[in-house]
Amino acid sequence: MEFIEAKNPEWCDMWEELSHYKINKGDPICLFMGACWEYMGSTLDHHHFRHLLHPASGKAEFVYVERRQRATLNWA
């Protein structure tokens, strides 16, 4: 697992994608009783997030946001 730094171009995209999950209703943070979404790390395929007390469910939630693969071109 790797950790994406905030200066990485993927950072804003993954948080934006998280906000689009139905449970979040457009809010990428979902602050509730001092708890909010936390970025836990990334694999080759997904970004991992957790929320210890989500306001919509009242319980811990875990989300795996699909990672967008960026094409790399190698010119000869």
PDB file of N, CA and C in Angstrom:
ATOM      1  N   MET A   1       0.850  -1.169   0.000  1.00  0.00           N
ATOM      2  CA  MET A   1       0.000   0.000   0.000  1.00  0.00           C
ATOM      3  C   MET A   1       0.895   1.232   0.000  1.00  0.00           C
ATOM      4  N   GLU A   2       0.454   2.260  -0.680  1.00  0.00           N
ATOM      5  CA  GLU A   2       1.202   3.514  -0.725  1.00  0.00           C
ATOM      6  C   GLU A   2       0.329   4.636  -0.187  1.00  0.00           C
ATOM      7  N   PHE A   3       0.952   5.748   0.170  1.00  0.00           N
ATOM      8  CA  PHE A   3       0.228   6.914   0.644  1.00  0.00           C
ATOM      9  C   PHE A   3       0.406   8.032  -0.368  1.00  0.00           C
ATOM     10  N   ILE A   4      -0.702   8.539  -0.899  1.00  0.00           N
ATOM     11  CA  ILE A   4      -0.670   9.634  -1.869  1.00  0.00           C
ATOM     12  C   ILE A   4      -0.547  10.954  -1.108  1.00  0.00           C
ATOM     13  N   GLU A   5       0.419  11.746  -1.447  1.00  0.00           N
ATOM     14  CA  GLU A   5       0.607  13.055  -0.822  1.00  0.00           C
ATOM     15  C   GLU A   5      -0.398  14.063  -1.380  1.00  0.00           C
ATOM     16  N   ALA A   6      -0.723  15.077  -0.602  1.00  0.00           N
ATOM     17  CA  ALA A   6      -1.706  16.083  -1.007  1.00  0.00           C
ATOM     18  C   ALA A   6      -1.292  16.847  -2.267  1.00  0.00           C
ATOM     19  N   LYS A   7      -0.014  16.901  -2.576  1.00  0.00           N
ATOM     20  CA  LYS A   7       0.435  17.615  -3.778  1.00  0.00           C
ATOM     21  C   LYS A   7       0.305  16.760  -5.048  1.00  0.00           C
ATOM     22  N   ASN A   8      -0.021  15.481  -4.893  1.00  0.00           N
ATOM     23  CA  ASN A   8      -0.195  14.581  -6.024  1.00  0.00           C
ATOM     24  C   ASN A   8      -1.461  14.959  -6.802  1.00  0.00           C
ATOM     25  N   PRO A   9      -1.420  14.929  -8.144  1.00  0.00           N
ATOM     26  CA  PRO A   9      -2.598  15.269  -8.952  1.00  0.00           C
ATOM     27  C   PRO A   9      -3.835  14.393  -8.651  1.00  0.00           C
ATOM     28  N   GLU A  10      -3.644  13.200  -8.134  1.00  0.00           N
ATOM     29  CA  GLU A  10      -4.770  12.315  -7.818  1.00  0.00           C
ATOM     30  C   GLU A  10      -5.522  12.746  -6.558  1.00  0.00           C
ATOM     31  N   TRP A  11      -4.890  13.534  -5.697  1.00  0.00           N
ATOM     32  CA  TRP A  11      -5.450  13.866  -4.389  1.00  0.00           C
ATOM     33  C   TRP A  11      -6.856  14.474  -4.490  1.00  0.00           C
ATOM     34  N   CYS A  12      -7.002  15.541  -5.236  1.00  0.00           N
ATOM     35  CA  CYS A  12      -8.309  16.212  -5.340  1.00  0.00           C
ATOM     36  C   CYS A  12      -9.335  15.320  -6.025  1.00  0.00           C
ATOM     37  N   ASP A  13      -8.905  14.569  -7.028  1.00  0.00           N
ATOM     38  CA  ASP A  13      -9.821  13.679  -7.748  1.00  0.00           C
ATOM     39  C   ASP A  13     -10.401  12.599  -6.845  1.00  0.00           C
ATOM     40  N   MET A  14      -9.582  12.008  -5.988  1.00  0.00           N
ATOM     41  CA  MET A  14     -10.086  10.922  -5.146  1.00  0.00           C
ATOM     42  C   MET A  14     -11.052  11.438  -4.093  1.00  0.00           C
ATOM     43  N   TRP A  15     -10.803  12.628  -3.548  1.00  0.00           N
ATOM     44  CA  TRP A  15     -11.731  13.212  -2.584  1.00  0.00           C
ATOM     45  C   TRP A  15     -13.028  13.630  -3.273  1.00  0.00           C
ATOM     46  N   GLU A  16     -12.930  14.127  -4.475  1.00  0.00           N
ATOM     47  CA  GLU A  16     -14.130  14.487  -5.244  1.00  0.00           C
ATOM     48  C   GLU A  16     -14.968  13.241  -5.521  1.00  0.00           C
ATOM     49  N   GLU A  17     -14.321  12.163  -5.915  1.00  0.00           N
ATOM     50  CA  GLU A  17     -15.021  10.903  -6.168  1.00  0.00           C
ATOM     51  C   GLU A  17     -15.702  10.399  -4.888  1.00  0.00           C
ATOM     52  N   LEU A  18     -15.036  10.501  -3.765  1.00  0.00           N
ATOM     53  CA  LEU A  18     -15.609  10.100  -2.486  1.00  0.00           C
ATOM     54  C   LEU A  18     -16.894  10.883  -2.192  1.00  0.00           C
ATOM     55  N   SER A  19     -16.907  12.163  -2.503  1.00  0.00           N
ATOM     56  CA  SER A  19     -18.088  12.992  -2.229  1.00  0.00           C
ATOM     57  C   SER A  19     -19.303  12.538  -3.038  1.00  0.00           C
ATOM     58  N   HIS A  20     -19.084  11.882  -4.171  1.00  0.00           N
ATOM     59  CA  HIS A  20     -20.179  11.447  -5.040  1.00  0.00           C
ATOM     60  C   HIS A  20     -20.840  10.149  -4.572  1.00  0.00           C
ATOM     61  N   TYR A  21     -20.264   9.466  -3.605  1.00  0.00           N
ATOM     62  CA  TYR A  21     -20.904   8.259  -3.073  1.00  0.00           C
ATOM     63  C   TYR A  21     -22.218   8.675  -2.412  1.00  0.00           C
ATOM     64  N   LYS A  22     -23.266   7.915  -2.663  1.00  0.00           N
ATOM     65  CA  LYS A  22     -24.615   8.266  -2.220  1.00  0.00           C
ATOM     66  C   LYS A  22     -24.692   8.614  -0.729  1.00  0.00           C
ATOM     67  N   ILE A  23     -23.999   7.874   0.095  1.00  0.00           N
ATOM     68  CA  ILE A  23     -24.047   8.093   1.540  1.00  0.00           C
ATOM     69  C   ILE A  23     -23.525   9.479   1.941  1.00  0.00           C
ATOM     70  N   ASN A  24     -22.669  10.074   1.104  1.00  0.00           N
ATOM     71  CA  ASN A  24     -22.030  11.353   1.436  1.00  0.00           C
ATOM     72  C   ASN A  24     -22.790  12.580   0.962  1.00  0.00           C
ATOM     73  N   LYS A  25     -23.710  12.419   0.047  1.00  0.00           N
ATOM     74  CA  LYS A  25     -24.555  13.520  -0.447  1.00  0.00           C
ATOM     75  C   LYS A  25     -23.735  14.746  -0.868  1.00  0.00           C
ATOM     76  N   GLY A  26     -22.628  14.506  -1.568  1.00  0.00           N
ATOM     77  CA  GLY A  26     -21.803  15.600  -2.089  1.00  0.00           C
ATOM     78  C   GLY A  26     -20.773  16.160  -1.133  1.00  0.00           C
ATOM     79  N   ASP A  27     -20.701  15.646   0.077  1.00  0.00           N
ATOM     80  CA  ASP A  27     -19.764  16.143   1.096  1.00  0.00           C
ATOM     81  C   ASP A  27     -18.590  15.172   1.233  1.00  0.00           C
ATOM     82  N   PRO A  28     -17.365  15.593   0.906  1.00  0.00           N
ATOM     83  CA  PRO A  28     -16.227  14.688   1.015  1.00  0.00           C
ATOM     84  C   PRO A  28     -15.699  14.526   2.445  1.00  0.00           C
ATOM     85  N   ILE A  29     -16.182  15.338   3.380  1.00  0.00           N
ATOM     86  CA  ILE A  29     -15.678  15.308   4.757  1.00  0.00           C
ATOM     87  C   ILE A  29     -16.655  14.618   5.707  1.00  0.00           C
ATOM     88  N   CYS A  30     -17.940  14.992   5.641  1.00  0.00           N
ATOM     89  CA  CYS A  30     -18.997  14.422   6.502  1.00  0.00           C
ATOM     90  C   CYS A  30     -18.622  14.497   7.982  1.00  0.00           C
ATOM     91  N   LEU A  31     -18.282  15.681   8.441  1.00  0.00           N
ATOM     92  CA  LEU A  31     -17.925  15.885   9.838  1.00  0.00           C
ATOM     93  C   LEU A  31     -19.121  15.588  10.733  1.00  0.00           C
ATOM     94  N   PHE A  32     -18.906  14.748  11.757  1.00  0.00           N
ATOM     95  CA  PHE A  32     -19.978  14.366  12.670  1.00  0.00           C
ATOM     96  C   PHE A  32     -19.370  13.971  13.999  1.00  0.00           C
ATOM     97  N   MET A  33     -19.686  14.719  15.045  1.00  0.00           N
ATOM     98  CA  MET A  33     -19.191  14.452  16.396  1.00  0.00           C
ATOM     99  C   MET A  33     -17.668  14.254  16.428  1.00  0.00           C
ATOM    100  N   GLY A  34     -16.968  15.107  15.704  1.00  0.00           N
ATOM    101  CA  GLY A  34     -15.506  15.082  15.678  1.00  0.00           C
ATOM    102  C   GLY A  34     -14.896  14.058  14.732  1.00  0.00           C
ATOM    103  N   ALA A  35     -15.722  13.260  14.071  1.00  0.00           N
ATOM    104  CA  ALA A  35     -15.209  12.254  13.132  1.00  0.00           C
ATOM    105  C   ALA A  35     -15.466  12.720  11.701  1.00  0.00           C
ATOM    106  N   CYS A  36     -14.566  12.357  10.806  1.00  0.00           N
ATOM    107  CA  CYS A  36     -14.722  12.689   9.393  1.00  0.00           C
ATOM    108  C   CYS A  36     -14.039  11.595   8.566  1.00  0.00           C
ATOM    109  N   TRP A  37     -14.197  11.683   7.243  1.00  0.00           N
ATOM    110  CA  TRP A  37     -13.524  10.719   6.377  1.00  0.00           C
ATOM    111  C   TRP A  37     -12.015  10.861   6.530  1.00  0.00           C
ATOM    112  N   GLU A  38     -11.334   9.738   6.599  1.00  0.00           N
ATOM    113  CA  GLU A  38      -9.875   9.699   6.688  1.00  0.00           C
ATOM    114  C   GLU A  38      -9.335   8.871   5.533  1.00  0.00           C
ATOM    115  N   TYR A  39      -8.316   9.392   4.896  1.00  0.00           N
ATOM    116  CA  TYR A  39      -7.623   8.659   3.832  1.00  0.00           C
ATOM    117  C   TYR A  39      -6.652   7.687   4.488  1.00  0.00           C
ATOM    118  N   MET A  40      -6.752   6.406   4.124  1.00  0.00           N
ATOM    119  CA  MET A  40      -5.937   5.366   4.749  1.00  0.00           C
ATOM    120  C   MET A  40      -4.778   4.883   3.886  1.00  0.00           C
ATOM    121  N   GLY A  41      -4.823   5.155   2.589  1.00  0.00           N
ATOM    122  CA  GLY A  41      -3.766   4.706   1.689  1.00  0.00           C
ATOM    123  C   GLY A  41      -4.348   4.234   0.377  1.00  0.00           C
ATOM    124  N   SER A  42      -3.469   3.845  -0.532  1.00  0.00           N
ATOM    125  CA  SER A  42      -3.895   3.420  -1.867  1.00  0.00           C
ATOM    126  C   SER A  42      -3.175   2.154  -2.288  1.00  0.00           C
ATOM    127  N   THR A  43      -3.877   1.356  -3.090  1.00  0.00           N
ATOM    128  CA  THR A  43      -3.272   0.215  -3.766  1.00  0.00           C
ATOM    129  C   THR A  43      -3.207   0.571  -5.244  1.00  0.00           C
ATOM    130  N   LEU A  44      -2.797  -0.354  -6.074  1.00  0.00           N
ATOM    131  CA  LEU A  44      -2.779  -0.082  -7.509  1.00  0.00           C
ATOM    132  C   LEU A  44      -4.171   0.190  -8.058  1.00  0.00           C
ATOM    133  N   ASP A  45      -5.209  -0.376  -7.417  1.00  0.00           N
ATOM    134  CA  ASP A  45      -6.566  -0.281  -7.936  1.00  0.00           C
ATOM    135  C   ASP A  45      -7.499   0.668  -7.194  1.00  0.00           C
ATOM    136  N   HIS A  46      -7.240   0.940  -5.905  1.00  0.00           N
ATOM    137  CA  HIS A  46      -8.199   1.678  -5.094  1.00  0.00           C
ATOM    138  C   HIS A  46      -7.537   2.630  -4.096  1.00  0.00           C
ATOM    139  N   HIS A  47      -8.306   3.659  -3.732  1.00  0.00           N
ATOM    140  CA  HIS A  47      -7.963   4.530  -2.617  1.00  0.00           C
ATOM    141  C   HIS A  47      -8.860   4.106  -1.458  1.00  0.00           C
ATOM    142  N   HIS A  48      -8.318   3.957  -0.275  1.00  0.00           N
ATOM    143  CA  HIS A  48      -9.039   3.450   0.884  1.00  0.00           C
ATOM    144  C   HIS A  48      -9.346   4.587   1.859  1.00  0.00           C
ATOM    145  N   PHE A  49     -10.609   4.688   2.246  1.00  0.00           N
ATOM    146  CA  PHE A  49     -11.067   5.705   3.192  1.00  0.00           C
ATOM    147  C   PHE A  49     -11.861   5.037   4.312  1.00  0.00           C
ATOM    148  N   ARG A  50     -11.851   5.667   5.489  1.00  0.00           N
ATOM    149  CA  ARG A  50     -12.702   5.202   6.583  1.00  0.00           C
ATOM    150  C   ARG A  50     -13.310   6.409   7.291  1.00  0.00           C
ATOM    151  N   HIS A  51     -14.467   6.175   7.865  1.00  0.00           N
ATOM    152  CA  HIS A  51     -15.143   7.175   8.692  1.00  0.00           C
ATOM    153  C   HIS A  51     -15.589   6.433   9.942  1.00  0.00           C
ATOM    154  N   LEU A  52     -15.141   6.857  11.110  1.00  0.00           N
ATOM    155  CA  LEU A  52     -15.414   6.117  12.335  1.00  0.00           C
ATOM    156  C   LEU A  52     -16.850   6.271  12.856  1.00  0.00           C
ATOM    157  N   LEU A  53     -17.550   7.339  12.442  1.00  0.00           N
ATOM    158  CA  LEU A  53     -18.933   7.544  12.867  1.00  0.00           C
ATOM    159  C   LEU A  53     -19.641   8.403  11.819  1.00  0.00           C
ATOM    160  N   HIS A  54     -20.082   7.777  10.753  1.00  0.00           N
ATOM    161  CA  HIS A  54     -20.681   8.513   9.637  1.00  0.00           C
ATOM    162  C   HIS A  54     -22.057   9.053  10.040  1.00  0.00           C
ATOM    163  N   PRO A  55     -22.352  10.323   9.699  1.00  0.00           N
ATOM    164  CA  PRO A  55     -23.630  10.914  10.111  1.00  0.00           C
ATOM    165  C   PRO A  55     -24.854  10.232   9.493  1.00  0.00           C
ATOM    166  N   ALA A  56     -24.720   9.640   8.337  1.00  0.00           N
ATOM    167  CA  ALA A  56     -25.868   9.003   7.678  1.00  0.00           C
ATOM    168  C   ALA A  56     -26.203   7.635   8.279  1.00  0.00           C
ATOM    169  N   SER A  57     -25.189   6.923   8.752  1.00  0.00           N
ATOM    170  CA  SER A  57     -25.417   5.558   9.250  1.00  0.00           C
ATOM    171  C   SER A  57     -25.264   5.432  10.770  1.00  0.00           C
ATOM    172  N   GLY A  58     -24.539   6.373  11.373  1.00  0.00           N
ATOM    173  CA  GLY A  58     -24.281   6.302  12.805  1.00  0.00           C
ATOM    174  C   GLY A  58     -23.305   5.206  13.187  1.00  0.00           C
ATOM    175  N   LYS A  59     -22.539   4.725  12.214  1.00  0.00           N
ATOM    176  CA  LYS A  59     -21.554   3.673  12.471  1.00  0.00           C
ATOM    177  C   LYS A  59     -20.320   3.882  11.598  1.00  0.00           C
ATOM    178  N   ALA A  60     -19.330   3.046  11.793  1.00  0.00           N
ATOM    179  CA  ALA A  60     -18.109   3.122  10.986  1.00  0.00           C
ATOM    180  C   ALA A  60     -18.421   2.723   9.540  1.00  0.00           C
ATOM    181  N   GLU A  61     -17.819   3.429   8.612  1.00  0.00           N
ATOM    182  CA  GLU A  61     -17.981   3.137   7.183  1.00  0.00           C
ATOM    183  C   GLU A  61     -16.605   3.069   6.541  1.00  0.00           C
ATOM    184  N   PHE A  62     -16.488   2.196   5.554  1.00  0.00           N
ATOM    185  CA  PHE A  62     -15.249   2.036   4.804  1.00  0.00           C
ATOM    186  C   PHE A  62     -15.588   2.104   3.322  1.00  0.00           C
ATOM    187  N   VAL A  63     -14.796   2.873   2.564  1.00  0.00           N
ATOM    188  CA  VAL A  63     -15.041   3.044   1.135  1.00  0.00           C
ATOM    189  C   VAL A  63     -13.745   2.813   0.378  1.00  0.00           C
ATOM    190  N   TYR A  64     -13.867   2.144  -0.743  1.00  0.00           N
ATOM    191  CA  TYR A  64     -12.748   1.912  -1.649  1.00  0.00           C
ATOM    192  C   TYR A  64     -13.074   2.595  -2.959  1.00  0.00           C
ATOM    193  N   VAL A  65     -12.443   3.725  -3.206  1.00  0.00           N
ATOM    194  CA  VAL A  65     -12.665   4.509  -4.419  1.00  0.00           C
ATOM    195  C   VAL A  65     -11.760   3.947  -5.503  1.00  0.00           C
ATOM    196  N   GLU A  66     -12.367   3.598  -6.636  1.00  0.00           N
ATOM    197  CA  GLU A  66     -11.576   3.052  -7.737  1.00  0.00           C
ATOM    198  C   GLU A  66     -10.558   4.081  -8.203  1.00  0.00           C
ATOM    199  N   ARG A  67      -9.354   3.620  -8.390  1.00  0.00           N
ATOM    200  CA  ARG A  67      -8.255   4.496  -8.798  1.00  0.00           C
ATOM    201  C   ARG A  67      -8.247   4.635 -10.304  1.00  0.00           C
ATOM    202  N   ARG A  68      -8.204   5.854 -10.764  1.00  0.00           N
ATOM    203  CA  ARG A  68      -8.133   6.111 -12.207  1.00  0.00           C
ATOM    204  C   ARG A  68      -6.708   5.873 -12.670  1.00  0.00           C
ATOM    205  N   GLN A  69      -6.576   5.048 -13.672  1.00  0.00           N
ATOM    206  CA  GLN A  69      -5.254   4.745 -14.219  1.00  0.00           C
ATOM    207  C   GLN A  69      -4.905   5.795 -15.270  1.00  0.00           C
ATOM    208  N   ARG A  70      -3.753   6.352 -15.136  1.00  0.00           N
ATOM    209  CA  ARG A  70      -3.291   7.347 -16.117  1.00  0.00           C
ATOM    210  C   ARG A  70      -2.381   6.675 -17.143  1.00  0.00           C
ATOM    211  N   ALA A  71      -2.686   6.912 -18.389  1.00  0.00           N
ATOM    212  CA  ALA A  71      -1.881   6.316 -19.458  1.00  0.00           C
ATOM    213  C   ALA A  71      -0.512   6.990 -19.505  1.00  0.00           C
ATOM    214  N   THR A  72       0.500   6.197 -19.736  1.00  0.00           N
ATOM    215  CA  THR A  72       1.853   6.717 -19.872  1.00  0.00           C
ATOM    216  C   THR A  72       2.346   6.409 -21.286  1.00  0.00           C
ATOM    217  N   LEU A  73       2.848   7.422 -21.954  1.00  0.00           N
ATOM    218  CA  LEU A  73       3.352   7.228 -23.301  1.00  0.00           C
ATOM    219  C   LEU A  73       4.866   7.240 -23.286  1.00  0.00           C
ATOM    220  N   ASN A  74       5.445   6.276 -23.937  1.00  0.00           N
ATOM    221  CA  ASN A  74       6.894   6.214 -24.083  1.00  0.00           C
ATOM    222  C   ASN A  74       7.229   6.385 -25.559  1.00  0.00           C
ATOM    223  N   TRP A  75       7.867   7.482 -25.884  1.00  0.00           N
ATOM    224  CA  TRP A  75       8.212   7.748 -27.283  1.00  0.00           C
ATOM    225  C   TRP A  75       9.583   7.186 -27.592  1.00  0.00           C
ATOM    226  N   ALA A  76       9.704   6.559 -28.717  1.00  0.00           N
ATOM    227  CA  ALA A  76      10.982   5.969 -29.148  1.00  0.00           C
ATOM    228  C   ALA A  76      11.849   7.001 -29.815  1.00  0.00           C
TER     229      ALA A  76
END
